Amino acid sequence: MKTILLVPLLFLLRFSHYNQNDILIKKNEYHTKIDSIDYNNFNSDLATKALAQAYLNFKDTADTFTSGKKISSLRPEILTNPELKKARWSDWVYKTFSKPNTEIMSKDPQNGFYHVDVEKKFLSDENLIRREYYRGFKNVPSITLRTKLLTYTENIYRTERNFETYQDLANSIIKCWDKSYLHSCILRAVCHDTNSYREYGLKIQDMFACCVMYNPKTKSTKACINFIG
């Protein structure tokens, strides 16, 4: 029997690039760039790009929180700044969390499925994560750079089901997460620094990255998506 498993992770820590243009695929180019999946030659890069695009497409159309409340009723700023609904791709998150986490899960000889412990990575250099989060943004108050609280969240996924295309796989992952309350809360969460927007007018999207890998020995596809914001 084909199985699909998914588990959310959220924790709060106190903190006292694929290039986005390269990884994201324009909608009118999708069918020419995303080919059928050959599970004997699974392309993790294409699968990852497809999942990133599927997430962004989902955020473009999602207009309610998991509770059913309209996002714009609680965050009216998205009516004039719709880009604040979704996170921005981060190479740093990909290299630091998404890719290594997925590799560990994918290579597990027991085909394990779990959240990799990343707490030490956060605590090893608190300022580094803030610097990455605010990289490229001007006029960020110094107190924010020193004391901003950042939340790390992760959804993970595993399936032994085969899909025809990378787009089909990516869409299925997003749909599965959205059907689970906790996973859906992570997907539909506000994805920008609300305090910086309201206090200083700064439009700072949260960071995200994802990764998808297939292990031919276990015939399992595993994926994760990570957010920091």
C-alpha atoms as a PDB file:
ATOM      1  CA  MET A   1       0.000   0.000   0.000  1.00  0.00           C
ATOM      2  CA  LYS A   2       1.319   3.422  -0.930  1.00  0.00           C
ATOM      3  CA  THR A   3       1.813   5.667   2.058  1.00  0.00           C
ATOM      4  CA  ILE A   4       2.108   9.377   2.542  1.00  0.00           C
ATOM      5  CA  LEU A   5       3.414  10.779   5.804  1.00  0.00           C
ATOM      6  CA  LEU A   6       3.800  14.383   6.876  1.00  0.00           C
ATOM      7  CA  VAL A   7       4.865  15.979  10.127  1.00  0.00           C
ATOM      8  CA  PRO A   8       5.048  19.652  11.175  1.00  0.00           C
ATOM      9  CA  LEU A   9       7.609  21.250  13.430  1.00  0.00           C
ATOM     10  CA  LEU A  10       7.520  24.634  15.098  1.00  0.00           C
ATOM     11  CA  PHE A  11       9.711  26.083  17.758  1.00  0.00           C
ATOM     12  CA  LEU A  12      10.607  29.588  18.880  1.00  0.00           C
ATOM     13  CA  LEU A  13      14.129  30.669  19.656  1.00  0.00           C
ATOM     14  CA  ARG A  14      15.223  34.063  20.828  1.00  0.00           C
ATOM     15  CA  PHE A  15      17.857  35.689  18.710  1.00  0.00           C
ATOM     16  CA  SER A  16      19.200  38.880  21.402  1.00  0.00           C
ATOM     17  CA  HIS A  17      21.085  31.333  -2.203  1.00  0.00           C
ATOM     18  CA  TYR A  18      19.710  29.079  -5.371  1.00  0.00           C
ATOM     19  CA  ASN A  19      19.054  32.695  -6.516  1.00  0.00           C
ATOM     20  CA  GLN A  20      15.304  33.321  -6.405  1.00  0.00           C
ATOM     21  CA  ASN A  21      15.281  34.306 -10.061  1.00  0.00           C
ATOM     22  CA  ASP A  22      17.013  31.033 -10.947  1.00  0.00           C
ATOM     23  CA  ILE A  23      14.858  28.664  -8.923  1.00  0.00           C
ATOM     24  CA  LEU A  24      11.425  30.063  -9.665  1.00  0.00           C
ATOM     25  CA  ILE A  25       9.763  29.100 -12.914  1.00  0.00           C
ATOM     26  CA  LYS A  26       7.352  31.366 -14.729  1.00  0.00           C
ATOM     27  CA  LYS A  27       3.929  29.821 -15.178  1.00  0.00           C
ATOM     28  CA  ASN A  28       4.064  29.997 -18.973  1.00  0.00           C
ATOM     29  CA  GLU A  29       7.397  28.117 -18.972  1.00  0.00           C
ATOM     30  CA  TYR A  30       6.318  25.378 -16.585  1.00  0.00           C
ATOM     31  CA  HIS A  31       5.331  22.644 -18.986  1.00  0.00           C
ATOM     32  CA  THR A  32       8.444  23.075 -21.131  1.00  0.00           C
ATOM     33  CA  LYS A  33      10.872  22.939 -18.201  1.00  0.00           C
ATOM     34  CA  ILE A  34       9.272  20.359 -15.928  1.00  0.00           C
ATOM     35  CA  ASP A  35       9.514  16.945 -17.588  1.00  0.00           C
ATOM     36  CA  SER A  36       8.067  13.598 -16.636  1.00  0.00           C
ATOM     37  CA  ILE A  37       9.736  11.936 -13.678  1.00  0.00           C
ATOM     38  CA  ASP A  38      12.168   9.130 -14.436  1.00  0.00           C
ATOM     39  CA  TYR A  39      12.576   7.487 -11.044  1.00  0.00           C
ATOM     40  CA  ASN A  40      15.751   5.791 -12.286  1.00  0.00           C
ATOM     41  CA  ASN A  41      17.220   9.268 -12.810  1.00  0.00           C
ATOM     42  CA  PHE A  42      15.323  11.390 -10.319  1.00  0.00           C
ATOM     43  CA  ASN A  43      16.262  15.073 -10.596  1.00  0.00           C
ATOM     44  CA  SER A  44      16.233  16.587  -7.117  1.00  0.00           C
ATOM     45  CA  ASP A  45      16.871  20.100  -8.445  1.00  0.00           C
ATOM     46  CA  LEU A  46      13.795  20.002 -10.694  1.00  0.00           C
ATOM     47  CA  ALA A  47      11.688  18.510  -7.916  1.00  0.00           C
ATOM     48  CA  THR A  48      12.839  21.242  -5.524  1.00  0.00           C
ATOM     49  CA  LYS A  49      12.121  23.998  -8.044  1.00  0.00           C
ATOM     50  CA  ALA A  50       8.666  22.565  -8.661  1.00  0.00           C
ATOM     51  CA  LEU A  51       7.871  22.464  -4.933  1.00  0.00           C
ATOM     52  CA  ALA A  52       9.070  26.057  -4.450  1.00  0.00           C
ATOM     53  CA  GLN A  53       6.850  27.193  -7.301  1.00  0.00           C
ATOM     54  CA  ALA A  54       3.886  25.162  -6.040  1.00  0.00           C
ATOM     55  CA  TYR A  55       4.204  26.857  -2.637  1.00  0.00           C
ATOM     56  CA  LEU A  56       4.300  30.339  -4.210  1.00  0.00           C
ATOM     57  CA  ASN A  57       1.321  29.523  -6.427  1.00  0.00           C
ATOM     58  CA  PHE A  58      -0.568  28.309  -3.360  1.00  0.00           C
ATOM     59  CA  LYS A  59       0.170  31.541  -1.493  1.00  0.00           C
ATOM     60  CA  ASP A  60      -1.028  33.584  -4.461  1.00  0.00           C
ATOM     61  CA  THR A  61      -4.478  31.991  -4.239  1.00  0.00           C
ATOM     62  CA  ALA A  62      -4.876  31.321  -0.492  1.00  0.00           C
ATOM     63  CA  ASP A  63      -6.953  34.141   1.001  1.00  0.00           C
ATOM     64  CA  THR A  64      -7.849  32.661   4.398  1.00  0.00           C
ATOM     65  CA  PHE A  65      -5.998  31.374   7.416  1.00  0.00           C
ATOM     66  CA  THR A  66      -6.538  27.744   8.386  1.00  0.00           C
ATOM     67  CA  SER A  67      -9.177  28.979  10.839  1.00  0.00           C
ATOM     68  CA  GLY A  68     -11.199  30.313   7.905  1.00  0.00           C
ATOM     69  CA  LYS A  69     -10.667  33.984   8.738  1.00  0.00           C
ATOM     70  CA  LYS A  70      -9.761  36.240   5.840  1.00  0.00           C
ATOM     71  CA  ILE A  71      -6.063  37.032   5.836  1.00  0.00           C
ATOM     72  CA  SER A  72      -6.731  40.595   4.684  1.00  0.00           C
ATOM     73  CA  SER A  73      -9.062  41.240   7.626  1.00  0.00           C
ATOM     74  CA  LEU A  74      -6.198  40.719  10.070  1.00  0.00           C
ATOM     75  CA  ARG A  75      -3.395  41.860   7.787  1.00  0.00           C
ATOM     76  CA  PRO A  76      -4.896  44.640   5.633  1.00  0.00           C
ATOM     77  CA  GLU A  77      -1.454  45.560   4.319  1.00  0.00           C
ATOM     78  CA  ILE A  78      -1.552  42.607   1.911  1.00  0.00           C
ATOM     79  CA  LEU A  79      -4.346  44.281  -0.061  1.00  0.00           C
ATOM     80  CA  THR A  80      -1.862  46.831  -1.374  1.00  0.00           C
ATOM     81  CA  ASN A  81       1.247  44.678  -0.917  1.00  0.00           C
ATOM     82  CA  PRO A  82       0.243  41.134  -1.995  1.00  0.00           C
ATOM     83  CA  GLU A  83       3.879  40.009  -2.045  1.00  0.00           C
ATOM     84  CA  LEU A  84       3.813  40.115   1.764  1.00  0.00           C
ATOM     85  CA  LYS A  85       1.525  37.067   1.734  1.00  0.00           C
ATOM     86  CA  LYS A  86       4.422  34.796   0.852  1.00  0.00           C
ATOM     87  CA  ALA A  87       7.984  34.205   1.916  1.00  0.00           C
ATOM     88  CA  ARG A  88      11.073  34.862  -0.203  1.00  0.00           C
ATOM     89  CA  TRP A  89      13.437  32.118  -1.311  1.00  0.00           C
ATOM     90  CA  SER A  90      16.686  31.977   0.688  1.00  0.00           C
ATOM     91  CA  ASP A  91      19.808  30.166  -0.500  1.00  0.00           C
ATOM     92  CA  TRP A  92      21.052  30.294   3.064  1.00  0.00           C
ATOM     93  CA  VAL A  93      17.996  28.459   4.429  1.00  0.00           C
ATOM     94  CA  TYR A  94      18.330  25.927   1.599  1.00  0.00           C
ATOM     95  CA  LYS A  95      22.011  25.215   2.295  1.00  0.00           C
ATOM     96  CA  THR A  96      21.715  25.351   6.084  1.00  0.00           C
ATOM     97  CA  PHE A  97      18.436  23.498   6.695  1.00  0.00           C
ATOM     98  CA  SER A  98      16.389  22.245   3.749  1.00  0.00           C
ATOM     99  CA  LYS A  99      19.027  20.336   1.805  1.00  0.00           C
ATOM    100  CA  PRO A 100      20.904  18.763   4.747  1.00  0.00           C
ATOM    101  CA  ASN A 101      17.670  17.886   6.575  1.00  0.00           C
ATOM    102  CA  THR A 102      16.278  16.145   3.493  1.00  0.00           C
ATOM    103  CA  GLU A 103      19.584  14.362   2.838  1.00  0.00           C
ATOM    104  CA  ILE A 104      19.646  12.964   6.374  1.00  0.00           C
ATOM    105  CA  MET A 105      16.080  11.690   6.056  1.00  0.00           C
ATOM    106  CA  SER A 106      16.614  10.335   2.541  1.00  0.00           C
ATOM    107  CA  LYS A 107      19.794   8.444   3.407  1.00  0.00           C
ATOM    108  CA  ASP A 108      18.471   6.928   6.618  1.00  0.00           C
ATOM    109  CA  PRO A 109      19.064   3.146   6.220  1.00  0.00           C
ATOM    110  CA  GLN A 110      15.892   2.432   8.195  1.00  0.00           C
ATOM    111  CA  ASN A 111      13.889   4.793   5.946  1.00  0.00           C
ATOM    112  CA  GLY A 112      13.267   6.949   9.014  1.00  0.00           C
ATOM    113  CA  PHE A 113      11.027   9.972   8.902  1.00  0.00           C
ATOM    114  CA  TYR A 114      11.616  12.669  11.472  1.00  0.00           C
ATOM    115  CA  HIS A 115      12.537  16.296  12.067  1.00  0.00           C
ATOM    116  CA  VAL A 116      16.292  16.754  12.177  1.00  0.00           C
ATOM    117  CA  ASP A 117      17.448  18.493  15.359  1.00  0.00           C
ATOM    118  CA  VAL A 118      18.525  21.991  14.255  1.00  0.00           C
ATOM    119  CA  GLU A 119      18.406  23.812  17.588  1.00  0.00           C
ATOM    120  CA  LYS A 120      22.198  23.904  17.915  1.00  0.00           C
ATOM    121  CA  LYS A 121      22.461  25.599  14.526  1.00  0.00           C
ATOM    122  CA  PHE A 122      20.248  28.401  15.774  1.00  0.00           C
ATOM    123  CA  LEU A 123      22.053  28.792  19.071  1.00  0.00           C
ATOM    124  CA  SER A 124      25.558  28.612  17.587  1.00  0.00           C
ATOM    125  CA  ASP A 125      25.376  32.118  16.128  1.00  0.00           C
ATOM    126  CA  GLU A 126      22.275  34.113  16.987  1.00  0.00           C
ATOM    127  CA  ASN A 127      23.350  37.221  15.109  1.00  0.00           C
ATOM    128  CA  LEU A 128      24.076  35.317  11.891  1.00  0.00           C
ATOM    129  CA  ILE A 129      20.427  34.370  11.465  1.00  0.00           C
ATOM    130  CA  ARG A 130      19.288  37.929  11.993  1.00  0.00           C
ATOM    131  CA  ARG A 131      21.852  39.160   9.480  1.00  0.00           C
ATOM    132  CA  GLU A 132      20.577  36.676   6.916  1.00  0.00           C
ATOM    133  CA  TYR A 133      16.971  37.632   7.596  1.00  0.00           C
ATOM    134  CA  TYR A 134      17.617  41.357   7.125  1.00  0.00           C
ATOM    135  CA  ARG A 135      20.264  41.044   4.400  1.00  0.00           C
ATOM    136  CA  GLY A 136      19.720  43.606   1.665  1.00  0.00           C
ATOM    137  CA  PHE A 137      17.217  45.709   3.631  1.00  0.00           C
ATOM    138  CA  LYS A 138      18.066  49.271   4.575  1.00  0.00           C
ATOM    139  CA  ASN A 139      16.978  51.385   7.552  1.00  0.00           C
ATOM    140  CA  VAL A 140      16.362  48.437   9.866  1.00  0.00           C
ATOM    141  CA  PRO A 141      16.586  49.808  13.443  1.00  0.00           C
ATOM    142  CA  SER A 142      19.636  48.634  15.354  1.00  0.00           C
ATOM    143  CA  ILE A 143      17.500  47.364  18.231  1.00  0.00           C
ATOM    144  CA  THR A 144      15.632  45.116  15.784  1.00  0.00           C
ATOM    145  CA  LEU A 145      18.923  43.744  14.475  1.00  0.00           C
ATOM    146  CA  ARG A 146      19.948  42.937  18.053  1.00  0.00           C
ATOM    147  CA  THR A 147      16.744  41.557  19.562  1.00  0.00           C
ATOM    148  CA  LYS A 148      14.364  40.344  16.824  1.00  0.00           C
ATOM    149  CA  LEU A 149      12.596  37.114  17.761  1.00  0.00           C
ATOM    150  CA  LEU A 150      12.654  34.624  14.905  1.00  0.00           C
ATOM    151  CA  THR A 151      10.543  31.491  14.532  1.00  0.00           C
ATOM    152  CA  TYR A 152      11.714  28.362  12.708  1.00  0.00           C
ATOM    153  CA  THR A 153       9.035  26.088  11.237  1.00  0.00           C
ATOM    154  CA  GLU A 154       9.256  22.984   9.111  1.00  0.00           C
ATOM    155  CA  ASN A 155       6.891  20.650   7.285  1.00  0.00           C
ATOM    156  CA  ILE A 156       8.182  17.266   6.147  1.00  0.00           C
ATOM    157  CA  TYR A 157       6.734  14.668   3.786  1.00  0.00           C
ATOM    158  CA  ARG A 158       7.302  11.094   2.693  1.00  0.00           C
ATOM    159  CA  THR A 159       5.614   8.943   0.086  1.00  0.00           C
ATOM    160  CA  GLU A 160       6.198   5.705  -1.821  1.00  0.00           C
ATOM    161  CA  ARG A 161       3.735   6.805  -4.494  1.00  0.00           C
ATOM    162  CA  ASN A 162       5.052   7.521  -7.990  1.00  0.00           C
ATOM    163  CA  PHE A 163       3.996  10.609  -9.941  1.00  0.00           C
ATOM    164  CA  GLU A 164       4.094  11.357 -13.652  1.00  0.00           C
ATOM    165  CA  THR A 165       5.649  14.827 -13.419  1.00  0.00           C
ATOM    166  CA  TYR A 166       7.561  16.915 -10.908  1.00  0.00           C
ATOM    167  CA  GLN A 167       4.696  19.389 -10.949  1.00  0.00           C
ATOM    168  CA  ASP A 168       2.233  16.621 -10.006  1.00  0.00           C
ATOM    169  CA  LEU A 169       4.497  15.605  -7.119  1.00  0.00           C
ATOM    170  CA  ALA A 170       4.889  19.187  -5.904  1.00  0.00           C
ATOM    171  CA  ASN A 171       1.174  19.937  -6.058  1.00  0.00           C
ATOM    172  CA  SER A 172       0.402  16.724  -4.176  1.00  0.00           C
ATOM    173  CA  ILE A 173       2.829  17.678  -1.391  1.00  0.00           C
ATOM    174  CA  ILE A 174       1.219  21.099  -0.959  1.00  0.00           C
ATOM    175  CA  LYS A 175      -2.289  19.612  -1.011  1.00  0.00           C
ATOM    176  CA  CYS A 176      -1.370  17.000   1.598  1.00  0.00           C
ATOM    177  CA  TRP A 177       0.078  19.635   3.905  1.00  0.00           C
ATOM    178  CA  ASP A 178      -2.931  21.882   3.455  1.00  0.00           C
ATOM    179  CA  LYS A 179      -5.282  19.043   4.469  1.00  0.00           C
ATOM    180  CA  SER A 180      -3.550  18.719   7.847  1.00  0.00           C
ATOM    181  CA  TYR A 181      -4.438  21.459  10.328  1.00  0.00           C
ATOM    182  CA  LEU A 182      -0.960  22.072  11.748  1.00  0.00           C
ATOM    183  CA  HIS A 183       0.744  21.854   8.355  1.00  0.00           C
ATOM    184  CA  SER A 184      -1.862  24.163   6.882  1.00  0.00           C
ATOM    185  CA  CYS A 185      -1.264  26.704   9.643  1.00  0.00           C
ATOM    186  CA  ILE A 186       2.392  26.828   8.630  1.00  0.00           C
ATOM    187  CA  LEU A 187       1.593  27.167   4.920  1.00  0.00           C
ATOM    188  CA  ARG A 188      -1.041  29.863   5.430  1.00  0.00           C
ATOM    189  CA  ALA A 189       0.807  31.869   8.070  1.00  0.00           C
ATOM    190  CA  VAL A 190       1.638  35.554   7.642  1.00  0.00           C
ATOM    191  CA  CYS A 191       4.996  35.715   5.908  1.00  0.00           C
ATOM    192  CA  HIS A 192       6.470  39.110   6.688  1.00  0.00           C
ATOM    193  CA  ASP A 193       7.880  41.125   9.557  1.00  0.00           C
ATOM    194  CA  THR A 194       4.659  42.772  10.682  1.00  0.00           C
ATOM    195  CA  ASN A 195       6.266  44.945  13.327  1.00  0.00           C
ATOM    196  CA  SER A 196       8.821  46.421  10.910  1.00  0.00           C
ATOM    197  CA  TYR A 197       6.036  47.133   8.429  1.00  0.00           C
ATOM    198  CA  ARG A 198       3.708  48.794  10.919  1.00  0.00           C
ATOM    199  CA  GLU A 199       6.366  50.744  12.813  1.00  0.00           C
ATOM    200  CA  TYR A 200       8.768  51.681  10.025  1.00  0.00           C
ATOM    201  CA  GLY A 201       7.031  50.871   6.731  1.00  0.00           C
ATOM    202  CA  LEU A 202       9.622  48.191   5.884  1.00  0.00           C
ATOM    203  CA  LYS A 203       8.437  45.397   3.564  1.00  0.00           C
ATOM    204  CA  ILE A 204      10.431  42.411   4.745  1.00  0.00           C
ATOM    205  CA  GLN A 205       9.229  38.963   3.679  1.00  0.00           C
ATOM    206  CA  ASP A 206      10.116  35.904   5.726  1.00  0.00           C
ATOM    207  CA  MET A 207      12.675  33.435   4.358  1.00  0.00           C
ATOM    208  CA  PHE A 208      11.877  29.987   3.020  1.00  0.00           C
ATOM    209  CA  ALA A 209      13.470  27.112   1.175  1.00  0.00           C
ATOM    210  CA  CYS A 210      12.584  23.519   0.407  1.00  0.00           C
ATOM    211  CA  CYS A 211      14.141  20.338  -0.913  1.00  0.00           C
ATOM    212  CA  VAL A 212      12.905  17.075  -2.463  1.00  0.00           C
ATOM    213  CA  MET A 213      14.903  13.852  -2.778  1.00  0.00           C
ATOM    214  CA  TYR A 214      14.248  10.256  -3.868  1.00  0.00           C
ATOM    215  CA  ASN A 215      16.011   7.149  -2.583  1.00  0.00           C
ATOM    216  CA  PRO A 216      15.887   4.289  -5.129  1.00  0.00           C
ATOM    217  CA  LYS A 217      16.770   1.729  -2.450  1.00  0.00           C
ATOM    218  CA  THR A 218      13.788   2.527  -0.260  1.00  0.00           C
ATOM    219  CA  LYS A 219      11.696   3.829  -3.182  1.00  0.00           C
ATOM    220  CA  SER A 220      10.694   6.756  -0.981  1.00  0.00           C
ATOM    221  CA  THR A 221      10.414  10.400  -1.902  1.00  0.00           C
ATOM    222  CA  LYS A 222      11.034  12.762   0.997  1.00  0.00           C
ATOM    223  CA  ALA A 223      10.707  16.526   1.193  1.00  0.00           C
ATOM    224  CA  CYS A 224      10.786  19.409   3.617  1.00  0.00           C
ATOM    225  CA  ILE A 225       9.968  23.087   3.536  1.00  0.00           C
ATOM    226  CA  ASN A 226      11.482  25.481   6.065  1.00  0.00           C
ATOM    227  CA  PHE A 227      10.523  28.992   7.123  1.00  0.00           C
ATOM    228  CA  ILE A 228      12.293  31.576   9.257  1.00  0.00           C
ATOM    229  CA  GLY A 229      10.459  34.725  10.201  1.00  0.00           C
END
